[in-house]
Amino acid sequence: MKDSQILSTFMDELVERPEPPRVLVFDACHVGVIMRAVLFVEATMMTGAMFGAAGLLDWLLRVSVLTGAALPATLAWLIVACSLKGRLERLLPPFQAAFGVALGAIAGVYGCGLLRMTAITTSAPWLASAFTGAMLSALLVVALFLRAKGRTPAATAARLSELQARIRPHFLFNTLNSAIALVRDDPARAETLLEDLSDLFRSALVDQGESVTLEQEVALARRYLGIEQVRFGERLRVEWALDPDAGNAKVPPLVLQPLVENAVKHGVEPSASGAQVRISTQRRGGIVVIKVTNTVPAGQGQRGHGVAQDNVRDRLRLLHDVQGQFKTALVEGVYQVRIEVPA
């Protein structure tokens, strides 16, 4: 008896152990990082301006002077760090951190130079400015390093949760039973069904990295819905509205498939007449909007513990920070999940 091509491919994927990618300690191209860096430096300047201030007006004057130096220096630090993102990613984390601190010292000297050029101050505290820039950069780099480090256990827990969802016994048995029923009447369709099942297992078990393209996630969701279409037949009515310009958007692995699975579980399964499931993607300027919509039986809501949705929400936050949005709504028997990610 020859091993099937599906199982061979499946086992080959399990044997492969790709080298883990290097972690970028601080990604200064993130909107969330920019906001936090500016607010952190500004709060520090406002606190420092309190020392020696004679009153409110004097404090405001000191804040404006310090902001005139600190804000351009902070933005310069962010611009340089963002422009060198590709090169920094090739370095080990300690060297990335050292670069960030050294760049902070240079930014501090730059801010002091701005004050000196505008003749706001007669003395130029070059050394103090350099140490202040280095200290603030070090604190920011440490905070971002801890955030980057926190992605690893969070991503692992998310993958384990999705793995349990993908290999649920009843889903596996129903799929195999559907394939067995098709073997004699439609062997080609049975083969396609098993190939789709293999792709689902492969995606759940193989490490795909921090992100994949939306196009890959759509392809995986198509395979899942193809499997369920065999099981439910006309009860499952699927509609796709995909924007080709949105396909390159970065999303966490296995972010779309659990949402369409929820749509089938809570929309199609409980209803004798079935339900309609609609998946749409659209690029709107600098963002991509992803919607998964399904009808629910009359008098019922989208019941469940919300584990899959919480999983998706957490991974979006880790990957895109404040740029990743996740919302749900149930209106007049129609349930919708809406996701926004950077284009």
C-alpha atoms as a PDB file:
ATOM      1  CA  MET A   1       0.000   0.000   0.000  1.00  0.00           C
ATOM      2  CA  LYS A   2       1.414   3.388  -1.045  1.00  0.00           C
ATOM      3  CA  ASP A   3       1.304   6.385   1.221  1.00  0.00           C
ATOM      4  CA  SER A   4      -1.157   9.006  -0.005  1.00  0.00           C
ATOM      5  CA  GLN A   5       0.185  12.258  -1.369  1.00  0.00           C
ATOM      6  CA  ILE A   6      -1.793  14.198   1.196  1.00  0.00           C
ATOM      7  CA  LEU A   7      -0.242  12.454   4.202  1.00  0.00           C
ATOM      8  CA  SER A   8       3.238  12.619   2.695  1.00  0.00           C
ATOM      9  CA  THR A   9       2.974  16.337   2.169  1.00  0.00           C
ATOM     10  CA  PHE A  10       1.550  16.757   5.645  1.00  0.00           C
ATOM     11  CA  MET A  11       4.437  14.897   7.295  1.00  0.00           C
ATOM     12  CA  ASP A  12       7.053  16.698   5.202  1.00  0.00           C
ATOM     13  CA  GLU A  13       5.755  20.006   6.461  1.00  0.00           C
ATOM     14  CA  LEU A  14       5.976  18.801  10.063  1.00  0.00           C
ATOM     15  CA  VAL A  15       9.605  17.695   9.688  1.00  0.00           C
ATOM     16  CA  GLU A  16      10.740  21.088   8.410  1.00  0.00           C
ATOM     17  CA  ARG A  17      11.976  23.412  11.129  1.00  0.00           C
ATOM     18  CA  PRO A  18      12.684  26.805   9.595  1.00  0.00           C
ATOM     19  CA  GLU A  19      15.088  29.103  11.362  1.00  0.00           C
ATOM     20  CA  PRO A  20      13.135  31.546  13.540  1.00  0.00           C
ATOM     21  CA  PRO A  21      13.256  35.137  12.266  1.00  0.00           C
ATOM     22  CA  ARG A  22      15.104  37.810  14.189  1.00  0.00           C
ATOM     23  CA  VAL A  23      12.993  40.057  16.378  1.00  0.00           C
ATOM     24  CA  LEU A  24      12.972  43.797  15.716  1.00  0.00           C
ATOM     25  CA  VAL A  25      13.340  45.394  19.135  1.00  0.00           C
ATOM     26  CA  PHE A  26      11.715  48.689  18.248  1.00  0.00           C
ATOM     27  CA  ASP A  27       9.625  49.297  15.162  1.00  0.00           C
ATOM     28  CA  ALA A  28       9.556  53.088  14.886  1.00  0.00           C
ATOM     29  CA  CYS A  29       7.345  52.918  11.797  1.00  0.00           C
ATOM     30  CA  HIS A  30       4.334  52.014  13.950  1.00  0.00           C
ATOM     31  CA  VAL A  31       1.793  54.772  14.564  1.00  0.00           C
ATOM     32  CA  GLY A  32       1.379  53.530  18.128  1.00  0.00           C
ATOM     33  CA  VAL A  33       5.139  53.739  18.764  1.00  0.00           C
ATOM     34  CA  ILE A  34       5.272  57.291  17.389  1.00  0.00           C
ATOM     35  CA  MET A  35       2.372  58.409  19.588  1.00  0.00           C
ATOM     36  CA  ARG A  36       3.831  56.826  22.718  1.00  0.00           C
ATOM     37  CA  ALA A  37       7.315  58.201  22.076  1.00  0.00           C
ATOM     38  CA  VAL A  38       6.077  61.765  21.569  1.00  0.00           C
ATOM     39  CA  LEU A  39       3.757  61.647  24.595  1.00  0.00           C
ATOM     40  CA  PHE A  40       6.468  60.087  26.785  1.00  0.00           C
ATOM     41  CA  VAL A  41       9.080  62.721  25.895  1.00  0.00           C
ATOM     42  CA  GLU A  42       6.590  65.565  26.207  1.00  0.00           C
ATOM     43  CA  ALA A  43       5.436  64.339  29.632  1.00  0.00           C
ATOM     44  CA  THR A  44       9.069  64.165  30.745  1.00  0.00           C
ATOM     45  CA  MET A  45       9.717  67.720  29.546  1.00  0.00           C
ATOM     46  CA  MET A  46       6.598  69.003  31.307  1.00  0.00           C
ATOM     47  CA  THR A  47       7.684  67.335  34.537  1.00  0.00           C
ATOM     48  CA  GLY A  48      11.229  68.647  34.246  1.00  0.00           C
ATOM     49  CA  ALA A  49       9.959  72.161  33.621  1.00  0.00           C
ATOM     50  CA  MET A  50       8.346  72.156  37.075  1.00  0.00           C
ATOM     51  CA  PHE A  51      11.765  72.334  38.738  1.00  0.00           C
ATOM     52  CA  GLY A  52      12.648  75.975  39.293  1.00  0.00           C
ATOM     53  CA  ALA A  53       9.438  77.376  37.768  1.00  0.00           C
ATOM     54  CA  ALA A  54       8.294  80.528  39.570  1.00  0.00           C
ATOM     55  CA  GLY A  55       4.659  80.099  38.602  1.00  0.00           C
ATOM     56  CA  LEU A  56       2.239  78.841  35.987  1.00  0.00           C
ATOM     57  CA  LEU A  57       3.315  81.292  33.281  1.00  0.00           C
ATOM     58  CA  ASP A  58       6.976  80.579  33.939  1.00  0.00           C
ATOM     59  CA  TRP A  59       6.255  76.843  33.756  1.00  0.00           C
ATOM     60  CA  LEU A  60       4.420  77.226  30.434  1.00  0.00           C
ATOM     61  CA  LEU A  61       7.348  79.237  29.063  1.00  0.00           C
ATOM     62  CA  ARG A  62       9.800  76.560  30.142  1.00  0.00           C
ATOM     63  CA  VAL A  63       7.605  73.825  28.605  1.00  0.00           C
ATOM     64  CA  SER A  64       7.437  75.659  25.287  1.00  0.00           C
ATOM     65  CA  VAL A  65      11.218  76.105  25.214  1.00  0.00           C
ATOM     66  CA  LEU A  66      11.895  72.461  26.072  1.00  0.00           C
ATOM     67  CA  THR A  67       9.270  71.255  23.583  1.00  0.00           C
ATOM     68  CA  GLY A  68      10.893  73.325  20.843  1.00  0.00           C
ATOM     69  CA  ALA A  69      14.040  71.278  21.337  1.00  0.00           C
ATOM     70  CA  ALA A  70      12.664  67.885  22.404  1.00  0.00           C
ATOM     71  CA  LEU A  71       9.913  67.449  19.811  1.00  0.00           C
ATOM     72  CA  PRO A  72      12.138  67.900  16.704  1.00  0.00           C
ATOM     73  CA  ALA A  73      14.781  65.680  18.308  1.00  0.00           C
ATOM     74  CA  THR A  74      12.214  62.958  19.034  1.00  0.00           C
ATOM     75  CA  LEU A  75      10.826  63.096  15.510  1.00  0.00           C
ATOM     76  CA  ALA A  76      14.366  62.925  14.106  1.00  0.00           C
ATOM     77  CA  TRP A  77      15.027  59.828  16.240  1.00  0.00           C
ATOM     78  CA  LEU A  78      11.836  58.195  14.948  1.00  0.00           C
ATOM     79  CA  ILE A  79      12.533  59.063  11.305  1.00  0.00           C
ATOM     80  CA  VAL A  80      16.081  57.671  11.386  1.00  0.00           C
ATOM     81  CA  ALA A  81      15.019  54.516  13.249  1.00  0.00           C
ATOM     82  CA  CYS A  82      12.148  53.933  10.810  1.00  0.00           C
ATOM     83  CA  SER A  83      14.293  54.491   7.714  1.00  0.00           C
ATOM     84  CA  LEU A  84      16.892  51.993   9.005  1.00  0.00           C
ATOM     85  CA  LYS A  85      14.298  49.398  10.023  1.00  0.00           C
ATOM     86  CA  GLY A  86      15.453  46.839   7.439  1.00  0.00           C
ATOM     87  CA  ARG A  87      19.085  47.035   8.526  1.00  0.00           C
ATOM     88  CA  LEU A  88      18.307  47.031  12.237  1.00  0.00           C
ATOM     89  CA  GLU A  89      16.310  43.817  11.855  1.00  0.00           C
ATOM     90  CA  ARG A  90      19.496  42.006  10.785  1.00  0.00           C
ATOM     91  CA  LEU A  91      21.237  42.881  14.054  1.00  0.00           C
ATOM     92  CA  LEU A  92      21.013  40.999  17.331  1.00  0.00           C
ATOM     93  CA  PRO A  93      18.721  42.614  19.953  1.00  0.00           C
ATOM     94  CA  PRO A  94      21.604  43.962  22.131  1.00  0.00           C
ATOM     95  CA  PHE A  95      23.086  45.799  19.143  1.00  0.00           C
ATOM     96  CA  GLN A  96      19.663  47.152  18.199  1.00  0.00           C
ATOM     97  CA  ALA A  97      19.228  48.494  21.722  1.00  0.00           C
ATOM     98  CA  ALA A  98      22.722  50.026  21.705  1.00  0.00           C
ATOM     99  CA  PHE A  99      21.962  51.757  18.411  1.00  0.00           C
ATOM    100  CA  GLY A 100      18.711  53.172  19.814  1.00  0.00           C
ATOM    101  CA  VAL A 101      20.478  54.580  22.895  1.00  0.00           C
ATOM    102  CA  ALA A 102      23.320  56.071  20.822  1.00  0.00           C
ATOM    103  CA  LEU A 103      20.813  57.595  18.424  1.00  0.00           C
ATOM    104  CA  GLY A 104      19.026  59.105  21.425  1.00  0.00           C
ATOM    105  CA  ALA A 105      22.241  60.770  22.573  1.00  0.00           C
ATOM    106  CA  ILE A 106      22.743  62.256  19.100  1.00  0.00           C
ATOM    107  CA  ALA A 107      19.111  63.434  19.076  1.00  0.00           C
ATOM    108  CA  GLY A 108      19.660  65.114  22.445  1.00  0.00           C
ATOM    109  CA  VAL A 109      22.667  67.007  21.081  1.00  0.00           C
ATOM    110  CA  TYR A 110      20.582  67.963  18.033  1.00  0.00           C
ATOM    111  CA  GLY A 111      17.830  69.395  20.265  1.00  0.00           C
ATOM    112  CA  CYS A 112      20.395  71.360  22.258  1.00  0.00           C
ATOM    113  CA  GLY A 113      21.804  72.709  19.013  1.00  0.00           C
ATOM    114  CA  LEU A 114      18.356  73.947  18.006  1.00  0.00           C
ATOM    115  CA  LEU A 115      18.102  75.940  21.239  1.00  0.00           C
ATOM    116  CA  ARG A 116      21.555  77.369  20.714  1.00  0.00           C
ATOM    117  CA  MET A 117      20.830  78.358  17.105  1.00  0.00           C
ATOM    118  CA  THR A 118      17.628  80.185  18.054  1.00  0.00           C
ATOM    119  CA  ALA A 119      19.501  82.062  20.796  1.00  0.00           C
ATOM    120  CA  ILE A 120      16.832  81.089  23.332  1.00  0.00           C
ATOM    121  CA  THR A 121      19.546  80.096  25.756  1.00  0.00           C
ATOM    122  CA  THR A 122      23.024  81.553  26.158  1.00  0.00           C
ATOM    123  CA  SER A 123      24.564  78.379  27.551  1.00  0.00           C
ATOM    124  CA  ALA A 124      24.499  75.074  25.687  1.00  0.00           C
ATOM    125  CA  PRO A 125      24.333  72.017  27.991  1.00  0.00           C
ATOM    126  CA  TRP A 126      25.629  69.600  25.342  1.00  0.00           C
ATOM    127  CA  LEU A 127      26.631  66.808  27.707  1.00  0.00           C
ATOM    128  CA  ALA A 128      23.438  66.990  29.768  1.00  0.00           C
ATOM    129  CA  SER A 129      21.344  66.959  26.585  1.00  0.00           C
ATOM    130  CA  ALA A 130      23.193  63.925  25.263  1.00  0.00           C
ATOM    131  CA  PHE A 131      22.715  62.006  28.514  1.00  0.00           C
ATOM    132  CA  THR A 132      19.044  62.998  28.674  1.00  0.00           C
ATOM    133  CA  GLY A 133      18.463  61.840  25.085  1.00  0.00           C
ATOM    134  CA  ALA A 134      20.255  58.558  25.777  1.00  0.00           C
ATOM    135  CA  MET A 135      18.293  57.958  28.989  1.00  0.00           C
ATOM    136  CA  LEU A 136      14.895  58.646  27.387  1.00  0.00           C
ATOM    137  CA  SER A 137      15.798  56.462  24.415  1.00  0.00           C
ATOM    138  CA  ALA A 138      16.915  53.663  26.719  1.00  0.00           C
ATOM    139  CA  LEU A 139      13.610  53.736  28.592  1.00  0.00           C
ATOM    140  CA  LEU A 140      11.658  53.727  25.336  1.00  0.00           C
ATOM    141  CA  VAL A 141      13.745  50.899  23.858  1.00  0.00           C
ATOM    142  CA  VAL A 142      13.280  48.794  27.010  1.00  0.00           C
ATOM    143  CA  ALA A 143       9.512  49.286  26.877  1.00  0.00           C
ATOM    144  CA  LEU A 144       9.394  48.330  23.197  1.00  0.00           C
ATOM    145  CA  PHE A 145      11.702  45.362  23.782  1.00  0.00           C
ATOM    146  CA  LEU A 146       9.382  44.015  26.479  1.00  0.00           C
ATOM    147  CA  ARG A 147       6.443  44.443  24.099  1.00  0.00           C
ATOM    148  CA  ALA A 148       8.280  42.603  21.300  1.00  0.00           C
ATOM    149  CA  LYS A 149       9.297  39.864  23.725  1.00  0.00           C
ATOM    150  CA  GLY A 150       5.685  39.501  24.826  1.00  0.00           C
ATOM    151  CA  ARG A 151       4.666  38.572  21.294  1.00  0.00           C
ATOM    152  CA  THR A 152       6.281  35.144  21.528  1.00  0.00           C
ATOM    153  CA  PRO A 153       4.184  33.600  24.340  1.00  0.00           C
ATOM    154  CA  ALA A 154       1.073  35.389  23.103  1.00  0.00           C
ATOM    155  CA  ALA A 155       1.545  34.059  19.587  1.00  0.00           C
ATOM    156  CA  THR A 156       2.238  30.570  20.931  1.00  0.00           C
ATOM    157  CA  ALA A 157      -0.922  30.577  23.055  1.00  0.00           C
ATOM    158  CA  ALA A 158      -2.908  31.850  20.095  1.00  0.00           C
ATOM    159  CA  ARG A 159      -1.550  29.101  17.857  1.00  0.00           C
ATOM    160  CA  LEU A 160      -2.387  26.410  20.425  1.00  0.00           C
ATOM    161  CA  SER A 161      -5.914  27.755  20.769  1.00  0.00           C
ATOM    162  CA  GLU A 162      -6.378  27.769  16.999  1.00  0.00           C
ATOM    163  CA  LEU A 163      -4.870  24.298  16.765  1.00  0.00           C
ATOM    164  CA  GLN A 164      -7.493  22.959  19.163  1.00  0.00           C
ATOM    165  CA  ALA A 165     -10.225  24.643  17.129  1.00  0.00           C
ATOM    166  CA  ARG A 166      -8.922  23.223  13.837  1.00  0.00           C
ATOM    167  CA  ILE A 167      -8.634  19.616  15.032  1.00  0.00           C
ATOM    168  CA  ARG A 168     -11.947  19.316  16.795  1.00  0.00           C
ATOM    169  CA  PRO A 169     -13.001  15.661  16.594  1.00  0.00           C
ATOM    170  CA  HIS A 170     -16.498  16.281  15.242  1.00  0.00           C
ATOM    171  CA  PHE A 171     -15.188  18.544  12.461  1.00  0.00           C
ATOM    172  CA  LEU A 172     -12.594  15.950  11.460  1.00  0.00           C
ATOM    173  CA  PHE A 173     -15.090  13.057  11.568  1.00  0.00           C
ATOM    174  CA  ASN A 174     -17.723  14.978   9.608  1.00  0.00           C
ATOM    175  CA  THR A 175     -15.178  15.833   6.925  1.00  0.00           C
ATOM    176  CA  LEU A 176     -13.943  12.248   6.643  1.00  0.00           C
ATOM    177  CA  ASN A 177     -17.498  10.937   6.521  1.00  0.00           C
ATOM    178  CA  SER A 178     -18.274  13.390   3.722  1.00  0.00           C
ATOM    179  CA  ALA A 179     -15.188  12.222   1.832  1.00  0.00           C
ATOM    180  CA  ILE A 180     -16.150   8.558   2.276  1.00  0.00           C
ATOM    181  CA  ALA A 181     -19.629   9.269   0.937  1.00  0.00           C
ATOM    182  CA  LEU A 182     -18.100  10.887  -2.165  1.00  0.00           C
ATOM    183  CA  VAL A 183     -15.448   8.247  -2.882  1.00  0.00           C
ATOM    184  CA  ARG A 184     -17.676   6.068  -5.092  1.00  0.00           C
ATOM    185  CA  ASP A 185     -19.975   8.683  -6.593  1.00  0.00           C
ATOM    186  CA  ASP A 186     -17.503  11.543  -7.102  1.00  0.00           C
ATOM    187  CA  PRO A 187     -13.883  10.511  -6.376  1.00  0.00           C
ATOM    188  CA  ALA A 188     -12.424  13.734  -7.792  1.00  0.00           C
ATOM    189  CA  ARG A 189     -14.480  15.818  -5.375  1.00  0.00           C
ATOM    190  CA  ALA A 190     -13.499  13.512  -2.511  1.00  0.00           C
ATOM    191  CA  GLU A 191      -9.828  14.051  -3.366  1.00  0.00           C
ATOM    192  CA  THR A 192     -10.331  17.832  -3.401  1.00  0.00           C
ATOM    193  CA  LEU A 193     -12.063  17.634  -0.032  1.00  0.00           C
ATOM    194  CA  LEU A 194      -9.146  15.751   1.521  1.00  0.00           C
ATOM    195  CA  GLU A 195      -6.628  18.157  -0.008  1.00  0.00           C
ATOM    196  CA  ASP A 196      -8.497  21.078   1.542  1.00  0.00           C
ATOM    197  CA  LEU A 197      -8.477  19.276   4.892  1.00  0.00           C
ATOM    198  CA  SER A 198      -4.720  18.729   4.554  1.00  0.00           C
ATOM    199  CA  ASP A 199      -4.178  22.438   3.888  1.00  0.00           C
ATOM    200  CA  LEU A 200      -6.141  23.342   7.003  1.00  0.00           C
ATOM    201  CA  PHE A 201      -4.036  20.995   9.158  1.00  0.00           C
ATOM    202  CA  ARG A 202      -0.829  22.283   7.611  1.00  0.00           C
ATOM    203  CA  SER A 203      -1.733  25.903   8.305  1.00  0.00           C
ATOM    204  CA  ALA A 204      -2.614  25.100  11.917  1.00  0.00           C
ATOM    205  CA  LEU A 205       0.551  23.110  12.636  1.00  0.00           C
ATOM    206  CA  VAL A 206       3.282  24.849  10.640  1.00  0.00           C
ATOM    207  CA  ASP A 207       4.817  28.054  11.964  1.00  0.00           C
ATOM    208  CA  GLN A 208       4.028  30.753   9.395  1.00  0.00           C
ATOM    209  CA  GLY A 209       5.764  33.583  11.183  1.00  0.00           C
ATOM    210  CA  GLU A 210       4.342  36.762  12.625  1.00  0.00           C
ATOM    211  CA  SER A 211       2.127  37.662   9.682  1.00  0.00           C
ATOM    212  CA  VAL A 212       0.770  36.461   6.342  1.00  0.00           C
ATOM    213  CA  THR A 213      -0.966  38.258   3.513  1.00  0.00           C
ATOM    214  CA  LEU A 214      -4.720  38.710   3.445  1.00  0.00           C
ATOM    215  CA  GLU A 215      -4.730  36.863   0.122  1.00  0.00           C
ATOM    216  CA  GLN A 216      -3.332  33.759   1.846  1.00  0.00           C
ATOM    217  CA  GLU A 217      -5.952  33.977   4.578  1.00  0.00           C
ATOM    218  CA  VAL A 218      -8.732  34.270   1.997  1.00  0.00           C
ATOM    219  CA  ALA A 219      -7.437  31.159   0.213  1.00  0.00           C
ATOM    220  CA  LEU A 220      -7.472  29.233   3.510  1.00  0.00           C
ATOM    221  CA  ALA A 221     -11.015  30.402   4.290  1.00  0.00           C
ATOM    222  CA  ARG A 222     -12.124  29.268   0.820  1.00  0.00           C
ATOM    223  CA  ARG A 223     -10.810  25.775   1.554  1.00  0.00           C
ATOM    224  CA  TYR A 224     -12.631  25.630   4.873  1.00  0.00           C
ATOM    225  CA  LEU A 225     -15.903  26.797   3.358  1.00  0.00           C
ATOM    226  CA  GLY A 226     -15.405  24.332   0.507  1.00  0.00           C
ATOM    227  CA  ILE A 227     -15.292  21.526   3.057  1.00  0.00           C
ATOM    228  CA  GLU A 228     -18.379  22.769   4.853  1.00  0.00           C
ATOM    229  CA  GLN A 229     -20.198  23.262   1.538  1.00  0.00           C
ATOM    230  CA  VAL A 230     -20.030  19.510   0.961  1.00  0.00           C
ATOM    231  CA  ARG A 231     -21.517  18.918   4.385  1.00  0.00           C
ATOM    232  CA  PHE A 232     -24.306  21.517   4.350  1.00  0.00           C
ATOM    233  CA  GLY A 233     -25.029  21.775   0.640  1.00  0.00           C
ATOM    234  CA  GLU A 234     -27.573  24.476  -0.195  1.00  0.00           C
ATOM    235  CA  ARG A 235     -27.949  25.421   3.462  1.00  0.00           C
ATOM    236  CA  LEU A 236     -24.603  27.217   3.242  1.00  0.00           C
ATOM    237  CA  ARG A 237     -24.793  30.175   0.867  1.00  0.00           C
ATOM    238  CA  VAL A 238     -21.436  31.915   0.488  1.00  0.00           C
ATOM    239  CA  GLU A 239     -20.835  35.287  -1.122  1.00  0.00           C
ATOM    240  CA  TRP A 240     -17.399  36.802  -1.788  1.00  0.00           C
ATOM    241  CA  ALA A 241     -16.684  40.488  -2.452  1.00  0.00           C
ATOM    242  CA  LEU A 242     -12.902  40.804  -2.637  1.00  0.00           C
ATOM    243  CA  ASP A 243     -10.849  43.863  -3.538  1.00  0.00           C
ATOM    244  CA  PRO A 244      -7.655  42.839  -5.418  1.00  0.00           C
ATOM    245  CA  ASP A 245      -5.848  45.886  -3.989  1.00  0.00           C
ATOM    246  CA  ALA A 246      -6.377  44.580  -0.440  1.00  0.00           C
ATOM    247  CA  GLY A 247      -4.673  41.215  -0.920  1.00  0.00           C
ATOM    248  CA  ASN A 248      -1.197  42.318   0.194  1.00  0.00           C
ATOM    249  CA  ALA A 249      -2.287  43.617   3.605  1.00  0.00           C
ATOM    250  CA  LYS A 250      -0.506  41.923   6.520  1.00  0.00           C
ATOM    251  CA  VAL A 251      -2.638  40.011   9.025  1.00  0.00           C
ATOM    252  CA  PRO A 252      -1.864  37.458  11.757  1.00  0.00           C
ATOM    253  CA  PRO A 253      -1.945  33.801  10.614  1.00  0.00           C
ATOM    254  CA  LEU A 254      -5.299  32.040  11.034  1.00  0.00           C
ATOM    255  CA  VAL A 255      -7.186  35.269  11.617  1.00  0.00           C
ATOM    256  CA  LEU A 256      -9.957  34.925   9.014  1.00  0.00           C
ATOM    257  CA  GLN A 257     -10.655  31.190   9.146  1.00  0.00           C
ATOM    258  CA  PRO A 258     -11.952  31.092  12.769  1.00  0.00           C
ATOM    259  CA  LEU A 259     -14.326  33.944  11.945  1.00  0.00           C
ATOM    260  CA  VAL A 260     -15.908  32.113   9.010  1.00  0.00           C
ATOM    261  CA  GLU A 261     -16.001  28.988  11.166  1.00  0.00           C
ATOM    262  CA  ASN A 262     -17.995  30.924  13.764  1.00  0.00           C
ATOM    263  CA  ALA A 263     -20.319  32.130  11.006  1.00  0.00           C
ATOM    264  CA  VAL A 264     -21.000  28.532   9.983  1.00  0.00           C
ATOM    265  CA  LYS A 265     -21.316  27.261  13.542  1.00  0.00           C
ATOM    266  CA  HIS A 266     -23.708  29.954  14.761  1.00  0.00           C
ATOM    267  CA  GLY A 267     -25.471  30.803  11.516  1.00  0.00           C
ATOM    268  CA  VAL A 268     -25.796  27.631   9.436  1.00  0.00           C
ATOM    269  CA  GLU A 269     -25.789  24.758  11.938  1.00  0.00           C
ATOM    270  CA  PRO A 270     -28.720  25.934  14.124  1.00  0.00           C
ATOM    271  CA  SER A 271     -30.933  26.827  11.153  1.00  0.00           C
ATOM    272  CA  ALA A 272     -32.938  24.266   9.177  1.00  0.00           C
ATOM    273  CA  SER A 273     -32.977  26.614   6.189  1.00  0.00           C
ATOM    274  CA  GLY A 274     -29.312  27.494   6.512  1.00  0.00           C
ATOM    275  CA  ALA A 275     -27.740  30.923   6.395  1.00  0.00           C
ATOM    276  CA  GLN A 276     -25.868  33.297   4.166  1.00  0.00           C
ATOM    277  CA  VAL A 277     -22.183  34.030   4.806  1.00  0.00           C
ATOM    278  CA  ARG A 278     -20.531  37.017   3.152  1.00  0.00           C
ATOM    279  CA  ILE A 279     -16.801  37.781   3.203  1.00  0.00           C
ATOM    280  CA  SER A 280     -15.666  41.140   1.854  1.00  0.00           C
ATOM    281  CA  THR A 281     -12.374  43.020   1.663  1.00  0.00           C
ATOM    282  CA  GLN A 282     -11.882  46.616   0.597  1.00  0.00           C
ATOM    283  CA  ARG A 283      -8.950  48.973   0.518  1.00  0.00           C
ATOM    284  CA  ARG A 284      -9.801  52.501   1.616  1.00  0.00           C
ATOM    285  CA  GLY A 285      -6.758  54.718   1.305  1.00  0.00           C
ATOM    286  CA  GLY A 286      -4.208  53.561   3.844  1.00  0.00           C
ATOM    287  CA  ILE A 287      -6.406  50.939   5.512  1.00  0.00           C
ATOM    288  CA  VAL A 288      -7.980  47.631   4.501  1.00  0.00           C
ATOM    289  CA  VAL A 289     -11.442  46.756   5.807  1.00  0.00           C
ATOM    290  CA  ILE A 290     -12.336  43.069   6.230  1.00  0.00           C
ATOM    291  CA  LYS A 291     -15.914  42.028   6.979  1.00  0.00           C
ATOM    292  CA  VAL A 292     -17.369  38.620   7.801  1.00  0.00           C
ATOM    293  CA  THR A 293     -21.174  38.767   7.848  1.00  0.00           C
ATOM    294  CA  ASN A 294     -23.703  36.019   8.457  1.00  0.00           C
ATOM    295  CA  THR A 295     -27.412  35.715   9.109  1.00  0.00           C
ATOM    296  CA  VAL A 296     -28.555  34.074  12.340  1.00  0.00           C
ATOM    297  CA  PRO A 297     -31.772  32.170  13.071  1.00  0.00           C
ATOM    298  CA  ALA A 298     -34.728  34.255  14.193  1.00  0.00           C
ATOM    299  CA  GLY A 299     -34.735  34.933  17.912  1.00  0.00           C
ATOM    300  CA  GLN A 300     -31.128  33.845  18.362  1.00  0.00           C
ATOM    301  CA  GLY A 301     -27.843  35.731  18.643  1.00  0.00           C
ATOM    302  CA  GLN A 302     -24.266  34.818  17.827  1.00  0.00           C
ATOM    303  CA  ARG A 303     -23.861  32.642  20.892  1.00  0.00           C
ATOM    304  CA  GLY A 304     -20.560  31.313  22.141  1.00  0.00           C
ATOM    305  CA  HIS A 305     -17.785  32.056  24.593  1.00  0.00           C
ATOM    306  CA  GLY A 306     -16.037  34.518  22.273  1.00  0.00           C
ATOM    307  CA  VAL A 307     -12.686  32.720  22.610  1.00  0.00           C
ATOM    308  CA  ALA A 308     -11.936  32.793  18.881  1.00  0.00           C
ATOM    309  CA  GLN A 309     -12.842  36.474  18.591  1.00  0.00           C
ATOM    310  CA  ASP A 310     -10.750  37.414  21.635  1.00  0.00           C
ATOM    311  CA  ASN A 311      -7.896  35.454  20.085  1.00  0.00           C
ATOM    312  CA  VAL A 312      -8.167  37.381  16.829  1.00  0.00           C
ATOM    313  CA  ARG A 313      -8.463  40.720  18.632  1.00  0.00           C
ATOM    314  CA  ASP A 314      -5.361  40.079  20.753  1.00  0.00           C
ATOM    315  CA  ARG A 315      -3.230  39.026  17.788  1.00  0.00           C
ATOM    316  CA  LEU A 316      -4.331  42.063  15.783  1.00  0.00           C
ATOM    317  CA  ARG A 317      -3.287  44.294  18.667  1.00  0.00           C
ATOM    318  CA  LEU A 318       0.116  42.617  18.882  1.00  0.00           C
ATOM    319  CA  LEU A 319       0.774  42.926  15.149  1.00  0.00           C
ATOM    320  CA  HIS A 320      -0.692  46.343  14.340  1.00  0.00           C
ATOM    321  CA  ASP A 321      -1.104  48.021  17.748  1.00  0.00           C
ATOM    322  CA  VAL A 322      -3.533  50.964  17.494  1.00  0.00           C
ATOM    323  CA  GLN A 323      -3.760  50.583  13.706  1.00  0.00           C
ATOM    324  CA  GLY A 324      -5.565  47.258  14.058  1.00  0.00           C
ATOM    325  CA  GLN A 325      -9.285  47.567  14.772  1.00  0.00           C
ATOM    326  CA  PHE A 326     -11.769  44.795  15.627  1.00  0.00           C
ATOM    327  CA  LYS A 327     -15.520  45.364  16.038  1.00  0.00           C
ATOM    328  CA  THR A 328     -18.635  43.180  16.133  1.00  0.00           C
ATOM    329  CA  ALA A 329     -22.333  43.984  15.818  1.00  0.00           C
ATOM    330  CA  LEU A 330     -25.656  42.138  15.686  1.00  0.00           C
ATOM    331  CA  VAL A 331     -28.444  44.070  13.954  1.00  0.00           C
ATOM    332  CA  GLU A 332     -31.805  42.610  12.960  1.00  0.00           C
ATOM    333  CA  GLY A 333     -30.649  39.025  12.600  1.00  0.00           C
ATOM    334  CA  VAL A 334     -27.374  39.853  10.838  1.00  0.00           C
ATOM    335  CA  TYR A 335     -24.064  39.435  12.656  1.00  0.00           C
ATOM    336  CA  GLN A 336     -20.928  41.143  11.402  1.00  0.00           C
ATOM    337  CA  VAL A 337     -17.248  41.161  12.344  1.00  0.00           C
ATOM    338  CA  ARG A 338     -15.311  44.149  11.023  1.00  0.00           C
ATOM    339  CA  ILE A 339     -11.510  44.299  10.971  1.00  0.00           C
ATOM    340  CA  GLU A 340      -9.286  47.193   9.930  1.00  0.00           C
ATOM    341  CA  VAL A 341      -5.556  46.780   9.229  1.00  0.00           C
ATOM    342  CA  PRO A 342      -2.936  48.977   7.526  1.00  0.00           C
ATOM    343  CA  ALA A 343      -2.822  48.566   3.733  1.00  0.00           C
END
